[in-house]
Amino acid sequence: MKMLTVFTPAYNRAYCLGNCYESLKRQTCKDFIWLIVDDGSTDDTKEKVQAWIDEGAVVIHYHHQENQGMHGAHNTAYELIVTELNVCIDSDDFMPDNAVEKITRYWREYGNDEVSGIVGLDAFTDGEIIGTPLPEGMKRSTLLDLYEKHDVKGDKKLVYRTELTKKYPYPIFAGEKYVGLAYKYYLLDLEYELLLMNEVICIVEYLPDGSSVNMLKQYLTNPKGFAFYRKELMKLPSVGMAFKFRQAIHYVSSSMISKNKNFLNESPSKILTLFALPLGATLYLYITRKAMTAS
């Protein structure tokens, strides 16, 4: 049995998926499976993947489903993965040649049932680390504490124990395609810490059709998913009031976009949501007006 599954959600990404494939072919350690969750692609993703399977250079598992959005593809991946560890490498990203070796070696040396996995670094194609490195001398932390208490910035790459990522599936809202992936990560934070590995294990390219770039559109087309995500973050017990207030502002805005008149009653923190109303309404107006200008 392989130790690691590298899983890649893909939606009409045949034009860039080859970069990820080539990086996996170059891995100095082959202790992994590549799982591609084809989230309803209408391009030639299936044909390209079949050619790679026939090539036999990498162990590839391919699954096609109707389009559900990134979080739906993650749900499917977690159902299918059987290896001890998993890591998501997006279709427009790739791994340094020794990334799998670093992950598996680190886990064999330090991994145990008391932690949820490993957090490593993302970098741009020029080698510059995205955001900040992880705190020197610190061996473990929750993801939330890294950002809220230790002032870590920028995207980081998460390697999780598969038995844990099968918990807390993302909800699917009819007609919507987005729920914040950190929902699962922060719930796992309540039970476990992550091992910190100050090594680059993913090279990131933010393409024009990526979800990070198109966040404004995501806000408008997936308001129930965004409201759910912000509401769940307001429930976290280990965060400060400023963090929860930010979530309340976004919760108000997304609830207004979805025309949910009961959002105050549904809020886990009604008083905080009341105070967030003016700023939430302002954010709602900003998003809708900016969208009108862009269209």
C-alpha atoms as a PDB file:
ATOM      1  CA  MET A   1       0.000   0.000   0.000  1.00  0.00           C
ATOM      2  CA  LYS A   2       1.271   3.449  -0.892  1.00  0.00           C
ATOM      3  CA  MET A   3       1.544   5.980   1.939  1.00  0.00           C
ATOM      4  CA  LEU A   4       0.285   9.121   0.170  1.00  0.00           C
ATOM      5  CA  THR A   5      -2.504  10.066  -2.203  1.00  0.00           C
ATOM      6  CA  VAL A   6      -1.987  13.242  -4.211  1.00  0.00           C
ATOM      7  CA  PHE A   7      -5.483  14.228  -5.273  1.00  0.00           C
ATOM      8  CA  THR A   8      -6.374  16.797  -7.896  1.00  0.00           C
ATOM      9  CA  PRO A   9      -9.867  18.187  -8.498  1.00  0.00           C
ATOM     10  CA  ALA A  10     -10.140  19.168 -12.164  1.00  0.00           C
ATOM     11  CA  TYR A  11     -12.799  21.017 -14.124  1.00  0.00           C
ATOM     12  CA  ASN A  12     -11.927  21.708 -17.768  1.00  0.00           C
ATOM     13  CA  ARG A  13      -8.236  21.892 -16.928  1.00  0.00           C
ATOM     14  CA  ALA A  14      -6.812  19.586 -19.583  1.00  0.00           C
ATOM     15  CA  TYR A  15      -4.711  22.495 -20.871  1.00  0.00           C
ATOM     16  CA  CYS A  16      -2.687  22.788 -17.646  1.00  0.00           C
ATOM     17  CA  LEU A  17      -3.035  19.416 -15.914  1.00  0.00           C
ATOM     18  CA  GLY A  18       0.037  18.132 -17.724  1.00  0.00           C
ATOM     19  CA  ASN A  19       2.333  20.316 -15.581  1.00  0.00           C
ATOM     20  CA  CYS A  20       1.131  18.497 -12.483  1.00  0.00           C
ATOM     21  CA  TYR A  21       1.552  15.137 -14.203  1.00  0.00           C
ATOM     22  CA  GLU A  22       5.100  15.879 -15.320  1.00  0.00           C
ATOM     23  CA  SER A  23       6.059  16.926 -11.787  1.00  0.00           C
ATOM     24  CA  LEU A  24       4.680  13.665 -10.398  1.00  0.00           C
ATOM     25  CA  LYS A  25       6.661  11.687 -12.976  1.00  0.00           C
ATOM     26  CA  ARG A  26       9.809  13.411 -11.700  1.00  0.00           C
ATOM     27  CA  GLN A  27       9.232  12.559  -8.029  1.00  0.00           C
ATOM     28  CA  THR A  28      12.271  11.047  -6.334  1.00  0.00           C
ATOM     29  CA  CYS A  29       9.943   8.899  -4.218  1.00  0.00           C
ATOM     30  CA  LYS A  30       7.123   6.892  -5.852  1.00  0.00           C
ATOM     31  CA  ASP A  31       5.254   6.112  -2.621  1.00  0.00           C
ATOM     32  CA  PHE A  32       2.045   7.778  -3.831  1.00  0.00           C
ATOM     33  CA  ILE A  33      -1.112   7.450  -5.900  1.00  0.00           C
ATOM     34  CA  TRP A  34      -2.427  10.281  -8.054  1.00  0.00           C
ATOM     35  CA  LEU A  35      -6.205  10.560  -7.758  1.00  0.00           C
ATOM     36  CA  ILE A  36      -7.875  12.835 -10.292  1.00  0.00           C
ATOM     37  CA  VAL A  37     -11.465  13.815  -9.512  1.00  0.00           C
ATOM     38  CA  ASP A  38     -12.874  15.075 -12.802  1.00  0.00           C
ATOM     39  CA  ASP A  39     -15.635  17.416 -11.680  1.00  0.00           C
ATOM     40  CA  GLY A  40     -17.775  17.322 -14.806  1.00  0.00           C
ATOM     41  CA  SER A  41     -15.204  18.416 -17.393  1.00  0.00           C
ATOM     42  CA  THR A  42     -16.369  18.840 -20.981  1.00  0.00           C
ATOM     43  CA  ASP A  43     -12.868  19.132 -22.486  1.00  0.00           C
ATOM     44  CA  ASP A  44     -10.484  16.249 -23.230  1.00  0.00           C
ATOM     45  CA  THR A  45      -9.409  15.668 -19.624  1.00  0.00           C
ATOM     46  CA  LYS A  46     -10.548  12.026 -19.686  1.00  0.00           C
ATOM     47  CA  GLU A  47      -8.605  11.231 -22.851  1.00  0.00           C
ATOM     48  CA  LYS A  48      -5.418  12.865 -21.579  1.00  0.00           C
ATOM     49  CA  VAL A  49      -5.607  11.038 -18.275  1.00  0.00           C
ATOM     50  CA  GLN A  50      -6.199   7.702 -20.014  1.00  0.00           C
ATOM     51  CA  ALA A  51      -3.060   8.250 -22.085  1.00  0.00           C
ATOM     52  CA  TRP A  52      -1.096   8.883 -18.873  1.00  0.00           C
ATOM     53  CA  ILE A  53      -2.573   5.761 -17.280  1.00  0.00           C
ATOM     54  CA  ASP A  54      -1.514   3.755 -20.340  1.00  0.00           C
ATOM     55  CA  GLU A  55       1.986   5.250 -20.081  1.00  0.00           C
ATOM     56  CA  GLY A  56       2.349   3.644 -16.643  1.00  0.00           C
ATOM     57  CA  ALA A  57       4.865   6.128 -15.212  1.00  0.00           C
ATOM     58  CA  VAL A  58       2.587   7.066 -12.291  1.00  0.00           C
ATOM     59  CA  VAL A  59      -0.100   5.103 -10.458  1.00  0.00           C
ATOM     60  CA  ILE A  60      -3.250   7.032 -11.417  1.00  0.00           C
ATOM     61  CA  HIS A  61      -6.835   6.625 -10.251  1.00  0.00           C
ATOM     62  CA  TYR A  62      -9.437   8.574 -12.243  1.00  0.00           C
ATOM     63  CA  HIS A  63     -13.001   9.380 -11.203  1.00  0.00           C
ATOM     64  CA  HIS A  64     -15.559  11.392 -13.182  1.00  0.00           C
ATOM     65  CA  GLN A  65     -18.630  12.992 -11.597  1.00  0.00           C
ATOM     66  CA  GLU A  66     -21.205  15.646 -12.352  1.00  0.00           C
ATOM     67  CA  ASN A  67     -19.982  19.145 -11.530  1.00  0.00           C
ATOM     68  CA  GLN A  68     -20.300  19.901  -7.806  1.00  0.00           C
ATOM     69  CA  GLY A  69     -17.626  22.531  -7.289  1.00  0.00           C
ATOM     70  CA  MET A  70     -14.305  22.293  -5.490  1.00  0.00           C
ATOM     71  CA  HIS A  71     -15.752  21.208  -2.133  1.00  0.00           C
ATOM     72  CA  GLY A  72     -17.860  18.511  -3.814  1.00  0.00           C
ATOM     73  CA  ALA A  73     -14.750  17.178  -5.543  1.00  0.00           C
ATOM     74  CA  HIS A  74     -12.994  17.119  -2.175  1.00  0.00           C
ATOM     75  CA  ASN A  75     -15.891  15.157  -0.670  1.00  0.00           C
ATOM     76  CA  THR A  76     -15.528  12.554  -3.405  1.00  0.00           C
ATOM     77  CA  ALA A  77     -11.754  12.373  -3.050  1.00  0.00           C
ATOM     78  CA  TYR A  78     -11.975  11.722   0.671  1.00  0.00           C
ATOM     79  CA  GLU A  79     -14.486   8.939   0.050  1.00  0.00           C
ATOM     80  CA  LEU A  80     -12.150   7.257  -2.458  1.00  0.00           C
ATOM     81  CA  ILE A  81      -8.739   7.663  -0.790  1.00  0.00           C
ATOM     82  CA  VAL A  82      -7.375   4.562   0.973  1.00  0.00           C
ATOM     83  CA  THR A  83      -3.788   5.625   1.739  1.00  0.00           C
ATOM     84  CA  GLU A  84      -2.669   6.790   5.182  1.00  0.00           C
ATOM     85  CA  LEU A  85      -2.053  10.396   4.057  1.00  0.00           C
ATOM     86  CA  ASN A  86      -3.437  12.705   1.410  1.00  0.00           C
ATOM     87  CA  VAL A  87      -2.602  16.106  -0.037  1.00  0.00           C
ATOM     88  CA  CYS A  88      -4.511  18.220  -2.553  1.00  0.00           C
ATOM     89  CA  ILE A  89      -2.498  19.609  -5.464  1.00  0.00           C
ATOM     90  CA  ASP A  90      -4.750  21.773  -7.610  1.00  0.00           C
ATOM     91  CA  SER A  91      -4.877  21.307 -11.376  1.00  0.00           C
ATOM     92  CA  ASP A  92      -2.883  24.482 -12.034  1.00  0.00           C
ATOM     93  CA  ASP A  93      -0.199  23.651  -9.447  1.00  0.00           C
ATOM     94  CA  PHE A  94       2.599  21.104  -9.266  1.00  0.00           C
ATOM     95  CA  MET A  95       5.088  19.587  -6.824  1.00  0.00           C
ATOM     96  CA  PRO A  96       8.850  20.046  -6.510  1.00  0.00           C
ATOM     97  CA  ASP A  97      10.698  16.908  -7.552  1.00  0.00           C
ATOM     98  CA  ASN A  98      11.406  15.819  -3.965  1.00  0.00           C
ATOM     99  CA  ALA A  99       8.061  16.824  -2.389  1.00  0.00           C
ATOM    100  CA  VAL A 100       6.703  13.283  -1.914  1.00  0.00           C
ATOM    101  CA  GLU A 101      10.064  12.201  -0.481  1.00  0.00           C
ATOM    102  CA  LYS A 102       9.996  15.081   2.014  1.00  0.00           C
ATOM    103  CA  ILE A 103       6.424  14.345   3.089  1.00  0.00           C
ATOM    104  CA  THR A 104       6.805  10.601   3.540  1.00  0.00           C
ATOM    105  CA  ARG A 105      10.203  10.858   5.246  1.00  0.00           C
ATOM    106  CA  TYR A 106       8.951  13.521   7.660  1.00  0.00           C
ATOM    107  CA  TRP A 107       5.855  11.504   8.493  1.00  0.00           C
ATOM    108  CA  ARG A 108       7.836   8.311   9.123  1.00  0.00           C
ATOM    109  CA  GLU A 109      10.095  10.228  11.502  1.00  0.00           C
ATOM    110  CA  TYR A 110       7.545  12.344  13.366  1.00  0.00           C
ATOM    111  CA  GLY A 111       4.032  11.236  12.428  1.00  0.00           C
ATOM    112  CA  ASN A 112       1.707   9.725  15.005  1.00  0.00           C
ATOM    113  CA  ASP A 113      -1.955   9.437  15.961  1.00  0.00           C
ATOM    114  CA  GLU A 114      -1.775  12.549  18.145  1.00  0.00           C
ATOM    115  CA  VAL A 115      -1.505  14.912  15.156  1.00  0.00           C
ATOM    116  CA  SER A 116      -3.764  15.425  12.156  1.00  0.00           C
ATOM    117  CA  GLY A 117      -0.972  15.685   9.604  1.00  0.00           C
ATOM    118  CA  ILE A 118       1.646  18.097   8.276  1.00  0.00           C
ATOM    119  CA  VAL A 119       1.569  21.720   7.184  1.00  0.00           C
ATOM    120  CA  GLY A 120       4.212  22.743   4.643  1.00  0.00           C
ATOM    121  CA  LEU A 121       4.916  25.685   2.357  1.00  0.00           C
ATOM    122  CA  ASP A 122       3.607  26.852  -1.001  1.00  0.00           C
ATOM    123  CA  ALA A 123       5.874  28.814  -3.342  1.00  0.00           C
ATOM    124  CA  PHE A 124       5.562  30.716  -6.602  1.00  0.00           C
ATOM    125  CA  THR A 125       7.240  29.376  -9.735  1.00  0.00           C
ATOM    126  CA  ASP A 126      10.262  31.625  -9.088  1.00  0.00           C
ATOM    127  CA  GLY A 127      10.828  29.933  -5.725  1.00  0.00           C
ATOM    128  CA  GLU A 128       9.526  32.790  -3.564  1.00  0.00           C
ATOM    129  CA  ILE A 129       7.552  31.486  -0.592  1.00  0.00           C
ATOM    130  CA  ILE A 130       3.913  32.531  -0.570  1.00  0.00           C
ATOM    131  CA  GLY A 131       3.298  34.674   2.500  1.00  0.00           C
ATOM    132  CA  THR A 132       5.611  33.883   5.416  1.00  0.00           C
ATOM    133  CA  PRO A 133       7.527  30.796   6.537  1.00  0.00           C
ATOM    134  CA  LEU A 134       6.265  28.825   9.517  1.00  0.00           C
ATOM    135  CA  PRO A 135       7.528  29.885  12.972  1.00  0.00           C
ATOM    136  CA  GLU A 136      11.078  28.695  13.607  1.00  0.00           C
ATOM    137  CA  GLY A 137      11.494  26.272  16.496  1.00  0.00           C
ATOM    138  CA  MET A 138       7.803  25.403  16.674  1.00  0.00           C
ATOM    139  CA  LYS A 139       7.033  21.729  16.118  1.00  0.00           C
ATOM    140  CA  ARG A 140       3.214  21.695  16.237  1.00  0.00           C
ATOM    141  CA  SER A 141       0.290  24.058  15.921  1.00  0.00           C
ATOM    142  CA  THR A 142      -3.283  24.211  14.772  1.00  0.00           C
ATOM    143  CA  LEU A 143      -3.845  25.893  11.431  1.00  0.00           C
ATOM    144  CA  LEU A 144      -6.003  28.584  12.996  1.00  0.00           C
ATOM    145  CA  ASP A 145      -3.383  29.438  15.620  1.00  0.00           C
ATOM    146  CA  LEU A 146      -0.729  29.820  12.916  1.00  0.00           C
ATOM    147  CA  TYR A 147      -2.756  32.559  11.256  1.00  0.00           C
ATOM    148  CA  GLU A 148      -4.439  34.177  14.256  1.00  0.00           C
ATOM    149  CA  LYS A 149      -1.771  33.911  16.987  1.00  0.00           C
ATOM    150  CA  HIS A 150       1.556  33.531  15.172  1.00  0.00           C
ATOM    151  CA  ASP A 151       0.933  35.978  12.324  1.00  0.00           C
ATOM    152  CA  VAL A 152       1.598  33.452   9.569  1.00  0.00           C
ATOM    153  CA  LYS A 153       0.443  34.727   6.179  1.00  0.00           C
ATOM    154  CA  GLY A 154      -0.283  33.217   2.782  1.00  0.00           C
ATOM    155  CA  ASP A 155      -1.507  29.872   1.521  1.00  0.00           C
ATOM    156  CA  LYS A 156       0.092  26.779   3.027  1.00  0.00           C
ATOM    157  CA  LYS A 157      -0.017  23.170   1.898  1.00  0.00           C
ATOM    158  CA  LEU A 158      -1.818  20.674   4.120  1.00  0.00           C
ATOM    159  CA  VAL A 159      -1.148  16.945   4.332  1.00  0.00           C
ATOM    160  CA  TYR A 160      -3.768  15.141   6.401  1.00  0.00           C
ATOM    161  CA  ARG A 161      -4.359  11.695   7.818  1.00  0.00           C
ATOM    162  CA  THR A 162      -7.032  10.231   5.575  1.00  0.00           C
ATOM    163  CA  GLU A 163      -9.130   8.744   8.360  1.00  0.00           C
ATOM    164  CA  LEU A 164      -9.628  12.285   9.688  1.00  0.00           C
ATOM    165  CA  THR A 165     -10.460  13.944   6.370  1.00  0.00           C
ATOM    166  CA  LYS A 166     -13.329  11.503   5.950  1.00  0.00           C
ATOM    167  CA  LYS A 167     -14.983  13.368   8.831  1.00  0.00           C
ATOM    168  CA  TYR A 168     -17.008  16.571   8.430  1.00  0.00           C
ATOM    169  CA  PRO A 169     -18.079  16.312   4.758  1.00  0.00           C
ATOM    170  CA  TYR A 170     -18.848  19.621   3.083  1.00  0.00           C
ATOM    171  CA  PRO A 171     -22.555  20.386   2.620  1.00  0.00           C
ATOM    172  CA  ILE A 172     -23.883  20.688  -0.912  1.00  0.00           C
ATOM    173  CA  PHE A 173     -26.303  23.560  -1.550  1.00  0.00           C
ATOM    174  CA  ALA A 174     -28.597  23.218  -4.554  1.00  0.00           C
ATOM    175  CA  GLY A 175     -27.510  25.475  -7.393  1.00  0.00           C
ATOM    176  CA  GLU A 176     -24.239  26.432  -5.672  1.00  0.00           C
ATOM    177  CA  LYS A 177     -20.670  25.222  -6.145  1.00  0.00           C
ATOM    178  CA  TYR A 178     -18.616  26.633  -3.268  1.00  0.00           C
ATOM    179  CA  VAL A 179     -18.064  26.093   0.450  1.00  0.00           C
ATOM    180  CA  GLY A 180     -14.826  27.230   2.098  1.00  0.00           C
ATOM    181  CA  LEU A 181     -12.464  24.272   2.371  1.00  0.00           C
ATOM    182  CA  ALA A 182     -11.089  25.515   5.694  1.00  0.00           C
ATOM    183  CA  TYR A 183     -14.401  24.503   7.311  1.00  0.00           C
ATOM    184  CA  LYS A 184     -13.074  20.954   7.634  1.00  0.00           C
ATOM    185  CA  TYR A 185      -9.574  22.057   8.604  1.00  0.00           C
ATOM    186  CA  TYR A 186     -10.741  24.246  11.472  1.00  0.00           C
ATOM    187  CA  LEU A 187     -12.976  21.503  12.856  1.00  0.00           C
ATOM    188  CA  LEU A 188      -9.988  19.145  12.842  1.00  0.00           C
ATOM    189  CA  ASP A 189      -8.084  21.894  14.697  1.00  0.00           C
ATOM    190  CA  LEU A 190     -10.453  21.357  17.624  1.00  0.00           C
ATOM    191  CA  GLU A 191      -9.093  17.828  18.054  1.00  0.00           C
ATOM    192  CA  TYR A 192      -5.509  17.837  16.769  1.00  0.00           C
ATOM    193  CA  GLU A 193      -2.455  19.924  15.949  1.00  0.00           C
ATOM    194  CA  LEU A 194      -0.446  19.728  12.734  1.00  0.00           C
ATOM    195  CA  LEU A 195       3.264  19.019  12.439  1.00  0.00           C
ATOM    196  CA  LEU A 196       5.139  22.022  11.041  1.00  0.00           C
ATOM    197  CA  MET A 197       7.508  21.367   8.141  1.00  0.00           C
ATOM    198  CA  ASN A 198       9.226  24.475   6.787  1.00  0.00           C
ATOM    199  CA  GLU A 199       9.720  22.942   3.336  1.00  0.00           C
ATOM    200  CA  VAL A 200       8.166  23.833  -0.016  1.00  0.00           C
ATOM    201  CA  ILE A 201       5.955  20.980  -1.187  1.00  0.00           C
ATOM    202  CA  CYS A 202       3.787  22.777  -3.746  1.00  0.00           C
ATOM    203  CA  ILE A 203       4.433  25.264  -6.543  1.00  0.00           C
ATOM    204  CA  VAL A 204       1.426  27.482  -7.127  1.00  0.00           C
ATOM    205  CA  GLU A 205       0.204  29.280 -10.234  1.00  0.00           C
ATOM    206  CA  TYR A 206      -2.850  31.523  -9.862  1.00  0.00           C
ATOM    207  CA  LEU A 207      -4.419  31.242 -13.309  1.00  0.00           C
ATOM    208  CA  PRO A 208      -7.059  33.694 -14.604  1.00  0.00           C
ATOM    209  CA  ASP A 209      -9.822  31.063 -14.403  1.00  0.00           C
ATOM    210  CA  GLY A 210      -8.913  29.894 -10.902  1.00  0.00           C
ATOM    211  CA  SER A 211     -11.255  30.156  -7.927  1.00  0.00           C
ATOM    212  CA  SER A 212      -8.888  32.445  -5.996  1.00  0.00           C
ATOM    213  CA  VAL A 213      -8.889  34.991  -8.806  1.00  0.00           C
ATOM    214  CA  ASN A 214     -12.664  34.833  -9.287  1.00  0.00           C
ATOM    215  CA  MET A 215     -13.646  35.245  -5.634  1.00  0.00           C
ATOM    216  CA  LEU A 216     -16.077  38.121  -6.283  1.00  0.00           C
ATOM    217  CA  LYS A 217     -18.076  35.911  -8.624  1.00  0.00           C
ATOM    218  CA  GLN A 218     -17.968  33.142  -6.032  1.00  0.00           C
ATOM    219  CA  TYR A 219     -19.509  35.466  -3.454  1.00  0.00           C
ATOM    220  CA  LEU A 220     -22.410  36.295  -5.738  1.00  0.00           C
ATOM    221  CA  THR A 221     -23.153  32.833  -7.074  1.00  0.00           C
ATOM    222  CA  ASN A 222     -22.657  30.844  -3.845  1.00  0.00           C
ATOM    223  CA  PRO A 223     -24.090  32.978  -1.022  1.00  0.00           C
ATOM    224  CA  LYS A 224     -25.579  30.073   0.965  1.00  0.00           C
ATOM    225  CA  GLY A 225     -22.245  28.283   0.963  1.00  0.00           C
ATOM    226  CA  PHE A 226     -20.427  31.418   2.073  1.00  0.00           C
ATOM    227  CA  ALA A 227     -22.999  32.152   4.784  1.00  0.00           C
ATOM    228  CA  PHE A 228     -22.699  28.582   6.084  1.00  0.00           C
ATOM    229  CA  TYR A 229     -18.913  28.845   6.184  1.00  0.00           C
ATOM    230  CA  ARG A 230     -18.932  32.162   8.079  1.00  0.00           C
ATOM    231  CA  LYS A 231     -21.563  30.897  10.496  1.00  0.00           C
ATOM    232  CA  GLU A 232     -19.474  27.823  11.307  1.00  0.00           C
ATOM    233  CA  LEU A 233     -16.379  29.965  11.902  1.00  0.00           C
ATOM    234  CA  MET A 234     -18.334  32.076  14.363  1.00  0.00           C
ATOM    235  CA  LYS A 235     -18.854  28.924  16.435  1.00  0.00           C
ATOM    236  CA  LEU A 236     -15.151  28.218  16.929  1.00  0.00           C
ATOM    237  CA  PRO A 237     -14.352  28.381  20.659  1.00  0.00           C
ATOM    238  CA  SER A 238     -10.648  29.231  20.459  1.00  0.00           C
ATOM    239  CA  VAL A 239     -10.794  32.454  18.445  1.00  0.00           C
ATOM    240  CA  GLY A 240     -10.982  36.072  19.559  1.00  0.00           C
ATOM    241  CA  MET A 241     -13.854  38.486  19.190  1.00  0.00           C
ATOM    242  CA  ALA A 242     -12.225  40.344  16.296  1.00  0.00           C
ATOM    243  CA  PHE A 243     -12.065  37.127  14.264  1.00  0.00           C
ATOM    244  CA  LYS A 244     -15.693  36.314  14.995  1.00  0.00           C
ATOM    245  CA  PHE A 245     -16.771  39.849  14.162  1.00  0.00           C
ATOM    246  CA  ARG A 246     -15.143  39.583  10.724  1.00  0.00           C
ATOM    247  CA  GLN A 247     -17.058  36.382  10.118  1.00  0.00           C
ATOM    248  CA  ALA A 248     -20.290  38.058  11.225  1.00  0.00           C
ATOM    249  CA  ILE A 249     -19.783  40.875   8.713  1.00  0.00           C
ATOM    250  CA  HIS A 250     -19.371  38.399   5.873  1.00  0.00           C
ATOM    251  CA  TYR A 251     -22.259  36.311   7.179  1.00  0.00           C
ATOM    252  CA  VAL A 252     -24.551  39.349   7.009  1.00  0.00           C
ATOM    253  CA  SER A 253     -23.391  40.209   3.496  1.00  0.00           C
ATOM    254  CA  SER A 254     -23.811  36.678   2.127  1.00  0.00           C
ATOM    255  CA  SER A 255     -27.202  36.341   3.804  1.00  0.00           C
ATOM    256  CA  MET A 256     -28.334  39.533   2.100  1.00  0.00           C
ATOM    257  CA  ILE A 257     -27.112  38.245  -1.266  1.00  0.00           C
ATOM    258  CA  SER A 258     -29.086  35.024  -0.757  1.00  0.00           C
ATOM    259  CA  LYS A 259     -32.125  37.043   0.470  1.00  0.00           C
ATOM    260  CA  ASN A 260     -32.283  35.029   3.675  1.00  0.00           C
ATOM    261  CA  LYS A 261     -34.580  37.026   5.950  1.00  0.00           C
ATOM    262  CA  ASN A 262     -34.052  34.660   8.878  1.00  0.00           C
ATOM    263  CA  PHE A 263     -30.273  35.070   9.060  1.00  0.00           C
ATOM    264  CA  LEU A 264     -30.370  36.806  12.445  1.00  0.00           C
ATOM    265  CA  ASN A 265     -32.346  33.985  14.045  1.00  0.00           C
ATOM    266  CA  GLU A 266     -30.009  31.447  12.437  1.00  0.00           C
ATOM    267  CA  SER A 267     -26.857  33.172  13.649  1.00  0.00           C
ATOM    268  CA  PRO A 268     -24.869  31.380  16.393  1.00  0.00           C
ATOM    269  CA  SER A 269     -24.034  34.838  17.812  1.00  0.00           C
ATOM    270  CA  LYS A 270     -27.067  37.094  17.442  1.00  0.00           C
ATOM    271  CA  ILE A 271     -25.707  40.094  19.342  1.00  0.00           C
ATOM    272  CA  LEU A 272     -22.469  40.086  17.372  1.00  0.00           C
ATOM    273  CA  THR A 273     -24.441  39.793  14.148  1.00  0.00           C
ATOM    274  CA  LEU A 274     -26.553  42.787  15.136  1.00  0.00           C
ATOM    275  CA  PHE A 275     -23.424  44.867  15.616  1.00  0.00           C
ATOM    276  CA  ALA A 276     -22.121  43.595  12.275  1.00  0.00           C
ATOM    277  CA  LEU A 277     -25.239  44.670  10.364  1.00  0.00           C
ATOM    278  CA  PRO A 278     -24.018  48.098   9.183  1.00  0.00           C
ATOM    279  CA  LEU A 279     -20.645  46.819   7.945  1.00  0.00           C
ATOM    280  CA  GLY A 280     -22.245  43.692   6.498  1.00  0.00           C
ATOM    281  CA  ALA A 281     -24.738  45.813   4.565  1.00  0.00           C
ATOM    282  CA  THR A 282     -21.887  48.020   3.334  1.00  0.00           C
ATOM    283  CA  LEU A 283     -19.974  44.958   2.144  1.00  0.00           C
ATOM    284  CA  TYR A 284     -23.113  43.693   0.400  1.00  0.00           C
ATOM    285  CA  LEU A 285     -23.470  46.992  -1.476  1.00  0.00           C
ATOM    286  CA  TYR A 286     -19.775  47.022  -2.384  1.00  0.00           C
ATOM    287  CA  ILE A 287     -19.868  43.487  -3.796  1.00  0.00           C
ATOM    288  CA  THR A 288     -23.060  43.965  -5.797  1.00  0.00           C
ATOM    289  CA  ARG A 289     -21.980  47.327  -7.207  1.00  0.00           C
ATOM    290  CA  LYS A 290     -18.508  46.086  -8.086  1.00  0.00           C
ATOM    291  CA  ALA A 291     -20.077  43.123  -9.841  1.00  0.00           C
ATOM    292  CA  MET A 292     -22.334  45.432 -11.860  1.00  0.00           C
ATOM    293  CA  THR A 293     -19.323  47.529 -12.867  1.00  0.00           C
ATOM    294  CA  ALA A 294     -17.365  44.458 -13.922  1.00  0.00           C
ATOM    295  CA  SER A 295     -20.201  42.996 -16.005  1.00  0.00           C
END
